[in-house]
C-alpha cells in the first residue's frame, strides 16, 4: 500500500510541493516548477515519476496516492484520471528539458 506519509519520497515531495492547496492553478504551479528547477532536477523528476508509474502498485493505488499528494488539483476538472494527468506532466517536463 502506498502511503503519503513518506516525506522523503521524491514522488511525494514533487506532488505535494508543487501541487498543494495554496496554488492558483495546476498549470501555473507546473510552469513555475519548470522555470525554477534546474535541468538536472527535471531530468531526475522524469526518472522517479516514470519509475513510480511503472511500479508494482495497482493503478487504483497509484491514482489514490497521486490524488492525496497533489491535493491542489481537482481531478474531475481535468477530465483525466490522476495517472493520465501524471503522464501529461512527465511529457511537459520532457519538453521543458529540451529547452533548458
Protein backbone atom coordinates (compact mmCIF):
# COMPACT_ATOMS: atom_id res chain seq x y z
CA UNK A 1 0.00 0.00 0.00
CA UNK A 2 1.26 3.44 -0.92
CA UNK A 3 1.47 5.90 1.94
CA UNK A 4 1.56 9.67 1.56
CA UNK A 5 3.36 9.89 4.91
CA UNK A 6 6.75 9.24 3.33
CA UNK A 7 8.09 12.78 3.28
CA UNK A 8 11.46 11.67 1.92
CA UNK A 9 9.97 10.09 -1.20
CA UNK A 10 10.72 12.18 -4.31
CA UNK A 11 7.29 11.49 -5.81
CA UNK A 12 5.60 12.76 -2.65
CA UNK A 13 7.89 15.79 -2.49
CA UNK A 14 7.21 16.64 -6.13
CA UNK A 15 3.43 16.22 -5.97
CA UNK A 16 2.85 17.76 -2.54
CA UNK A 17 5.41 20.51 -3.03
CA UNK A 18 4.25 21.57 -6.47
CA UNK A 19 0.51 20.89 -6.47
CA UNK A 20 -0.55 21.85 -2.93
CA UNK A 21 -3.81 23.53 -1.91
CA UNK A 22 -2.38 27.05 -2.00
CA UNK A 23 -1.65 27.11 -5.74
CA UNK A 24 -3.63 29.35 -8.07
CA UNK A 25 -3.88 26.62 -10.71
CA UNK A 26 -2.09 23.36 -11.53
CA UNK A 27 -0.94 24.85 -14.83
CA UNK A 28 0.66 27.87 -13.16
CA UNK A 29 2.25 25.67 -10.50
CA UNK A 30 3.78 23.44 -13.17
CA UNK A 31 5.09 26.41 -15.15
CA UNK A 32 6.68 27.82 -12.01
CA UNK A 33 8.25 24.43 -11.28
CA UNK A 34 9.60 24.12 -14.83
CA UNK A 35 11.04 27.62 -14.74
CA UNK A 36 12.64 27.47 -11.31
CA UNK A 37 14.10 23.97 -11.24
CA UNK A 38 17.42 23.03 -12.82
CA UNK A 39 17.68 20.85 -15.88
CA UNK A 40 19.32 18.18 -13.73
CA UNK A 41 16.41 18.07 -11.30
CA UNK A 42 13.88 17.99 -14.14
CA UNK A 43 15.73 15.01 -15.61
CA UNK A 44 15.68 13.33 -12.19
CA UNK A 45 11.94 14.06 -11.89
CA UNK A 46 11.30 12.29 -15.20
CA UNK A 47 13.11 9.23 -13.85
CA UNK A 48 11.40 8.99 -10.47
CA UNK A 49 7.94 9.77 -11.86
CA UNK A 50 8.36 7.20 -14.64
CA UNK A 51 9.59 4.65 -12.09
CA UNK A 52 6.52 5.38 -9.96
CA UNK A 53 4.18 4.84 -12.90
CA UNK A 54 5.94 1.56 -13.71
CA UNK A 55 5.92 0.33 -10.10
CA UNK A 56 4.13 -2.82 -8.98
CA UNK A 57 1.31 -0.94 -7.27
CA UNK A 58 -2.14 -1.17 -8.84
CA UNK A 59 -3.47 1.71 -10.92
CA UNK A 60 -6.10 2.29 -8.23
CA UNK A 61 -3.40 2.65 -5.56
CA UNK A 62 -1.36 4.97 -7.80
CA UNK A 63 -4.41 7.10 -8.59
CA UNK A 64 -5.30 7.41 -4.91
CA UNK A 65 -1.70 8.26 -4.00
CA UNK A 66 -1.43 10.97 -6.67
CA UNK A 67 -4.78 12.41 -5.65
CA UNK A 68 -3.86 12.50 -1.95
CA UNK A 69 -0.43 14.07 -2.54
CA UNK A 70 -1.49 16.60 -5.19
CA UNK A 71 -4.36 18.00 -3.15
CA UNK A 72 -4.34 21.27 -5.08
CA UNK A 73 -5.50 19.52 -8.25
CA UNK A 74 -9.22 18.92 -8.72
CA UNK A 75 -9.01 15.90 -11.00
CA UNK A 76 -12.65 15.87 -12.18
CA UNK A 77 -11.99 19.32 -13.70
CA UNK A 78 -9.03 17.95 -15.65
CA UNK A 79 -11.16 15.23 -17.23
CA UNK A 80 -8.32 12.80 -16.54
CA UNK A 81 -7.55 10.07 -14.07
CA UNK A 82 -4.62 11.06 -11.84
CA UNK A 83 -2.28 8.62 -13.64
CA UNK A 84 -3.23 10.04 -17.04
CA UNK A 85 -2.63 13.52 -15.67
CA UNK A 86 0.80 12.47 -14.35
CA UNK A 87 1.72 11.07 -17.79
CA UNK A 88 0.97 14.52 -19.24
CA UNK A 89 3.05 16.20 -16.53
CA UNK A 90 6.00 13.96 -17.39
CA UNK A 91 5.67 14.86 -21.08
CA UNK A 92 5.64 18.57 -20.23
CA UNK A 93 8.75 18.12 -18.11
CA UNK A 94 10.43 16.31 -21.03
CA UNK A 95 9.61 19.21 -23.32
CA UNK A 96 10.99 21.71 -20.79
CA UNK A 97 14.26 19.74 -20.52
CA UNK A 98 14.76 20.12 -24.27
CA UNK A 99 14.76 23.91 -23.98
CA UNK A 100 16.88 24.30 -20.82
